Amino acid sequence: MKDDKSRYTLRVAPELLEKLAYIAEYEGRTKNRELEQMIKQRVAAFEREHGTIPTAQEQG
């Protein structure tokens, strides 16, 4: 089955990754899902202030 999600390698300090793991576990999520939630929140905040960000799909 094909996954429709993009993949991205993130380089981050070990201490920061450890803290992310702590937060994710506290919230009952994987580190990946926690990052996804954080990104969604940041995008929503940006779009509230600056307007909708167009995606490649929307552009053509």
PDB file of N, CA and C in Angstrom:
ATOM      1  N   MET A   1       0.842  -1.172   0.000  1.00  0.00           N
ATOM      2  CA  MET A   1       0.000   0.000   0.000  1.00  0.00           C
ATOM      3  C   MET A   1       0.898   1.250   0.000  1.00  0.00           C
ATOM      4  N   LYS A   2       0.618   2.165  -0.889  1.00  0.00           N
ATOM      5  CA  LYS A   2       1.420   3.386  -1.004  1.00  0.00           C
ATOM      6  C   LYS A   2       1.007   4.397   0.068  1.00  0.00           C
ATOM      7  N   ASP A   3       2.006   4.974   0.689  1.00  0.00           N
ATOM      8  CA  ASP A   3       1.806   6.001   1.709  1.00  0.00           C
ATOM      9  C   ASP A   3       1.802   7.365   1.018  1.00  0.00           C
ATOM     10  N   ASP A   4       0.828   8.202   1.300  1.00  0.00           N
ATOM     11  CA  ASP A   4       0.735   9.507   0.643  1.00  0.00           C
ATOM     12  C   ASP A   4       1.458  10.609   1.422  1.00  0.00           C
ATOM     13  N   LYS A   5       2.255  10.230   2.412  1.00  0.00           N
ATOM     14  CA  LYS A   5       2.959  11.212   3.230  1.00  0.00           C
ATOM     15  C   LYS A   5       4.361  11.444   2.695  1.00  0.00           C
ATOM     16  N   SER A   6       4.805  12.684   2.760  1.00  0.00           N
ATOM     17  CA  SER A   6       6.177  13.023   2.379  1.00  0.00           C
ATOM     18  C   SER A   6       7.115  12.629   3.507  1.00  0.00           C
ATOM     19  N   ARG A   7       8.350  12.375   3.153  1.00  0.00           N
ATOM     20  CA  ARG A   7       9.355  12.040   4.148  1.00  0.00           C
ATOM     21  C   ARG A   7      10.394  13.155   4.182  1.00  0.00           C
ATOM     22  N   TYR A   8      10.880  13.437   5.391  1.00  0.00           N
ATOM     23  CA  TYR A   8      11.847  14.501   5.577  1.00  0.00           C
ATOM     24  C   TYR A   8      12.788  14.094   6.709  1.00  0.00           C
ATOM     25  N   THR A   9      14.076  14.178   6.475  1.00  0.00           N
ATOM     26  CA  THR A   9      15.055  13.870   7.508  1.00  0.00           C
ATOM     27  C   THR A   9      15.354  15.139   8.286  1.00  0.00           C
ATOM     28  N   LEU A  10      15.257  15.050   9.593  1.00  0.00           N
ATOM     29  CA  LEU A  10      15.489  16.196  10.455  1.00  0.00           C
ATOM     30  C   LEU A  10      16.755  15.965  11.267  1.00  0.00           C
ATOM     31  N   ARG A  11      17.678  16.911  11.203  1.00  0.00           N
ATOM     32  CA  ARG A  11      18.879  16.856  12.036  1.00  0.00           C
ATOM     33  C   ARG A  11      18.654  17.786  13.210  1.00  0.00           C
ATOM     34  N   VAL A  12      18.805  17.243  14.421  1.00  0.00           N
ATOM     35  CA  VAL A  12      18.507  18.013  15.629  1.00  0.00           C
ATOM     36  C   VAL A  12      19.425  17.545  16.757  1.00  0.00           C
ATOM     37  N   ALA A  13      19.718  18.448  17.672  1.00  0.00           N
ATOM     38  CA  ALA A  13      20.558  18.112  18.818  1.00  0.00           C
ATOM     39  C   ALA A  13      19.909  16.997  19.640  1.00  0.00           C
ATOM     40  N   PRO A  14      20.709  16.056  20.129  1.00  0.00           N
ATOM     41  CA  PRO A  14      20.161  14.937  20.908  1.00  0.00           C
ATOM     42  C   PRO A  14      19.328  15.387  22.111  1.00  0.00           C
ATOM     43  N   GLU A  15      19.752  16.445  22.773  1.00  0.00           N
ATOM     44  CA  GLU A  15      19.017  16.923  23.951  1.00  0.00           C
ATOM     45  C   GLU A  15      17.622  17.412  23.567  1.00  0.00           C
ATOM     46  N   LEU A  16      17.531  18.080  22.428  1.00  0.00           N
ATOM     47  CA  LEU A  16      16.240  18.571  21.957  1.00  0.00           C
ATOM     48  C   LEU A  16      15.332  17.408  21.567  1.00  0.00           C
ATOM     49  N   LEU A  17      15.891  16.408  20.916  1.00  0.00           N
ATOM     50  CA  LEU A  17      15.109  15.232  20.541  1.00  0.00           C
ATOM     51  C   LEU A  17      14.615  14.482  21.777  1.00  0.00           C
ATOM     52  N   GLU A  18      15.448  14.429  22.802  1.00  0.00           N
ATOM     53  CA  GLU A  18      15.049  13.786  24.053  1.00  0.00           C
ATOM     54  C   GLU A  18      13.879  14.529  24.699  1.00  0.00           C
ATOM     55  N   LYS A  19      13.928  15.854  24.664  1.00  0.00           N
ATOM     56  CA  LYS A  19      12.833  16.648  25.229  1.00  0.00           C
ATOM     57  C   LYS A  19      11.556  16.500  24.406  1.00  0.00           C
ATOM     58  N   LEU A  20      11.710  16.421  23.084  1.00  0.00           N
ATOM     59  CA  LEU A  20      10.551  16.174  22.231  1.00  0.00           C
ATOM     60  C   LEU A  20       9.923  14.827  22.571  1.00  0.00           C
ATOM     61  N   ALA A  21      10.751  13.811  22.772  1.00  0.00           N
ATOM     62  CA  ALA A  21      10.252  12.474  23.125  1.00  0.00           C
ATOM     63  C   ALA A  21       9.473  12.518  24.439  1.00  0.00           C
ATOM     64  N   TYR A  22       9.957  13.289  25.384  1.00  0.00           N
ATOM     65  CA  TYR A  22       9.271  13.431  26.672  1.00  0.00           C
ATOM     66  C   TYR A  22       7.886  14.044  26.484  1.00  0.00           C
ATOM     67  N   ILE A  23       7.832  15.136  25.719  1.00  0.00           N
ATOM     68  CA  ILE A  23       6.555  15.803  25.459  1.00  0.00           C
ATOM     69  C   ILE A  23       5.600  14.871  24.720  1.00  0.00           C
ATOM     70  N   ALA A  24       6.112  14.192  23.695  1.00  0.00           N
ATOM     71  CA  ALA A  24       5.281  13.280  22.909  1.00  0.00           C
ATOM     72  C   ALA A  24       4.699  12.183  23.787  1.00  0.00           C
ATOM     73  N   GLU A  25       5.533  11.596  24.626  1.00  0.00           N
ATOM     74  CA  GLU A  25       5.047  10.532  25.521  1.00  0.00           C
ATOM     75  C   GLU A  25       3.995  11.081  26.479  1.00  0.00           C
ATOM     76  N   TYR A  26       4.220  12.253  27.007  1.00  0.00           N
ATOM     77  CA  TYR A  26       3.265  12.889  27.908  1.00  0.00           C
ATOM     78  C   TYR A  26       1.913  13.071  27.228  1.00  0.00           C
ATOM     79  N   GLU A  27       1.935  13.439  25.947  1.00  0.00           N
ATOM     80  CA  GLU A  27       0.722  13.671  25.181  1.00  0.00           C
ATOM     81  C   GLU A  27       0.147  12.393  24.568  1.00  0.00           C
ATOM     82  N   GLY A  28       0.833  11.265  24.745  1.00  0.00           N
ATOM     83  CA  GLY A  28       0.351   9.997  24.208  1.00  0.00           C
ATOM     84  C   GLY A  28       0.543   9.879  22.705  1.00  0.00           C
ATOM     85  N   ARG A  29       1.603  10.508  22.205  1.00  0.00           N
ATOM     86  CA  ARG A  29       1.875  10.491  20.768  1.00  0.00           C
ATOM     87  C   ARG A  29       3.286   9.973  20.513  1.00  0.00           C
ATOM     88  N   THR A  30       3.522   9.635  19.256  1.00  0.00           N
ATOM     89  CA  THR A  30       4.884   9.363  18.822  1.00  0.00           C
ATOM     90  C   THR A  30       5.583  10.700  18.604  1.00  0.00           C
ATOM     91  N   LYS A  31       6.906  10.669  18.509  1.00  0.00           N
ATOM     92  CA  LYS A  31       7.633  11.907  18.202  1.00  0.00           C
ATOM     93  C   LYS A  31       7.179  12.461  16.862  1.00  0.00           C
ATOM     94  N   ASN A  32       6.963  11.585  15.899  1.00  0.00           N
ATOM     95  CA  ASN A  32       6.521  12.043  14.581  1.00  0.00           C
ATOM     96  C   ASN A  32       5.173  12.757  14.659  1.00  0.00           C
ATOM     97  N   ARG A  33       4.224  12.161  15.365  1.00  0.00           N
ATOM     98  CA  ARG A  33       2.898  12.786  15.489  1.00  0.00           C
ATOM     99  C   ARG A  33       2.965  14.085  16.280  1.00  0.00           C
ATOM    100  N   GLU A  34       3.836  14.136  17.268  1.00  0.00           N
ATOM    101  CA  GLU A  34       3.993  15.370  18.041  1.00  0.00           C
ATOM    102  C   GLU A  34       4.539  16.481  17.147  1.00  0.00           C
ATOM    103  N   LEU A  35       5.539  16.156  16.334  1.00  0.00           N
ATOM    104  CA  LEU A  35       6.066  17.141  15.390  1.00  0.00           C
ATOM    105  C   LEU A  35       5.001  17.591  14.411  1.00  0.00           C
ATOM    106  N   GLU A  36       4.188  16.645  13.930  1.00  0.00           N
ATOM    107  CA  GLU A  36       3.117  16.990  12.997  1.00  0.00           C
ATOM    108  C   GLU A  36       2.133  17.968  13.644  1.00  0.00           C
ATOM    109  N   GLN A  37       1.778  17.728  14.901  1.00  0.00           N
ATOM    110  CA  GLN A  37       0.869  18.634  15.605  1.00  0.00           C
ATOM    111  C   GLN A  37       1.494  20.017  15.776  1.00  0.00           C
ATOM    112  N   MET A  38       2.777  20.058  16.109  1.00  0.00           N
ATOM    113  CA  MET A  38       3.467  21.331  16.285  1.00  0.00           C
ATOM    114  C   MET A  38       3.508  22.114  14.969  1.00  0.00           C
ATOM    115  N   ILE A  39       3.769  21.418  13.878  1.00  0.00           N
ATOM    116  CA  ILE A  39       3.810  22.069  12.561  1.00  0.00           C
ATOM    117  C   ILE A  39       2.428  22.616  12.204  1.00  0.00           C
ATOM    118  N   LYS A  40       1.390  21.818  12.426  1.00  0.00           N
ATOM    119  CA  LYS A  40       0.027  22.271  12.136  1.00  0.00           C
ATOM    120  C   LYS A  40      -0.318  23.521  12.921  1.00  0.00           C
ATOM    121  N   GLN A  41       0.050  23.547  14.213  1.00  0.00           N
ATOM    122  CA  GLN A  41      -0.231  24.720  15.041  1.00  0.00           C
ATOM    123  C   GLN A  41       0.514  25.946  14.535  1.00  0.00           C
ATOM    124  N   ARG A  42       1.759  25.769  14.135  1.00  0.00           N
ATOM    125  CA  ARG A  42       2.562  26.893  13.643  1.00  0.00           C
ATOM    126  C   ARG A  42       2.024  27.427  12.325  1.00  0.00           C
ATOM    127  N   VAL A  43       1.626  26.513  11.422  1.00  0.00           N
ATOM    128  CA  VAL A  43       1.063  26.927  10.140  1.00  0.00           C
ATOM    129  C   VAL A  43      -0.250  27.684  10.366  1.00  0.00           C
ATOM    130  N   ALA A  44      -1.089  27.165  11.245  1.00  0.00           N
ATOM    131  CA  ALA A  44      -2.363  27.833  11.528  1.00  0.00           C
ATOM    132  C   ALA A  44      -2.134  29.236  12.092  1.00  0.00           C
ATOM    133  N   ALA A  45      -1.180  29.380  12.998  1.00  0.00           N
ATOM    134  CA  ALA A  45      -0.880  30.693  13.575  1.00  0.00           C
ATOM    135  C   ALA A  45      -0.357  31.649  12.504  1.00  0.00           C
ATOM    136  N   PHE A  46       0.518  31.154  11.644  1.00  0.00           N
ATOM    137  CA  PHE A  46       1.060  31.988  10.568  1.00  0.00           C
ATOM    138  C   PHE A  46      -0.050  32.441   9.628  1.00  0.00           C
ATOM    139  N   GLU A  47      -0.926  31.497   9.252  1.00  0.00           N
ATOM    140  CA  GLU A  47      -2.009  31.824   8.320  1.00  0.00           C
ATOM    141  C   GLU A  47      -3.022  32.789   8.936  1.00  0.00           C
ATOM    142  N   ARG A  48      -3.252  32.705  10.236  1.00  0.00           N
ATOM    143  CA  ARG A  48      -4.144  33.675  10.891  1.00  0.00           C
ATOM    144  C   ARG A  48      -3.580  35.091  10.768  1.00  0.00           C
ATOM    145  N   GLU A  49      -2.275  35.199  10.869  1.00  0.00           N
ATOM    146  CA  GLU A  49      -1.636  36.520  10.819  1.00  0.00           C
ATOM    147  C   GLU A  49      -1.401  37.016   9.400  1.00  0.00           C
ATOM    148  N   HIS A  50      -1.066  36.110   8.478  1.00  0.00           N
ATOM    149  CA  HIS A  50      -0.615  36.524   7.144  1.00  0.00           C
ATOM    150  C   HIS A  50      -1.498  36.055   5.988  1.00  0.00           C
ATOM    151  N   GLY A  51      -2.501  35.262   6.267  1.00  0.00           N
ATOM    152  CA  GLY A  51      -3.359  34.729   5.206  1.00  0.00           C
ATOM    153  C   GLY A  51      -2.925  33.327   4.789  1.00  0.00           C
ATOM    154  N   THR A  52      -3.786  32.707   4.029  1.00  0.00           N
ATOM    155  CA  THR A  52      -3.564  31.325   3.608  1.00  0.00           C
ATOM    156  C   THR A  52      -2.308  31.181   2.754  1.00  0.00           C
ATOM    157  N   ILE A  53      -1.557  30.146   3.058  1.00  0.00           N
ATOM    158  CA  ILE A  53      -0.360  29.826   2.293  1.00  0.00           C
ATOM    159  C   ILE A  53      -0.791  28.911   1.145  1.00  0.00           C
ATOM    160  N   PRO A  54      -0.542  29.298  -0.104  1.00  0.00           N
ATOM    161  CA  PRO A  54      -0.919  28.425  -1.225  1.00  0.00           C
ATOM    162  C   PRO A  54      -0.013  27.182  -1.264  1.00  0.00           C
ATOM    163  N   THR A  55      -0.591  26.066  -1.670  1.00  0.00           N
ATOM    164  CA  THR A  55       0.197  24.834  -1.830  1.00  0.00           C
ATOM    165  C   THR A  55       0.424  24.592  -3.318  1.00  0.00           C
ATOM    166  N   ALA A  56       1.342  23.693  -3.634  1.00  0.00           N
ATOM    167  CA  ALA A  56       1.638  23.371  -5.028  1.00  0.00           C
ATOM    168  C   ALA A  56       0.384  22.842  -5.740  1.00  0.00           C
ATOM    169  N   GLN A  57      -0.430  22.043  -5.042  1.00  0.00           N
ATOM    170  CA  GLN A  57      -1.658  21.504  -5.625  1.00  0.00           C
ATOM    171  C   GLN A  57      -2.617  22.625  -6.012  1.00  0.00           C
ATOM    172  N   GLU A  58      -2.699  23.651  -5.188  1.00  0.00           N
ATOM    173  CA  GLU A  58      -3.608  24.754  -5.453  1.00  0.00           C
ATOM    174  C   GLU A  58      -3.120  25.646  -6.587  1.00  0.00           C
ATOM    175  N   GLN A  59      -1.822  25.651  -6.815  1.00  0.00           N
ATOM    176  CA  GLN A  59      -1.245  26.517  -7.823  1.00  0.00           C
ATOM    177  C   GLN A  59      -1.276  25.907  -9.213  1.00  0.00           C
ATOM    178  N   GLY A  60      -1.519  24.635  -9.295  1.00  0.00           N
ATOM    179  CA  GLY A  60      -1.611  24.111 -10.639  1.00  0.00           C
ATOM    180  C   GLY A  60      -1.136  22.757 -10.771  1.00  0.00           C
TER     181      GLY A  60
END
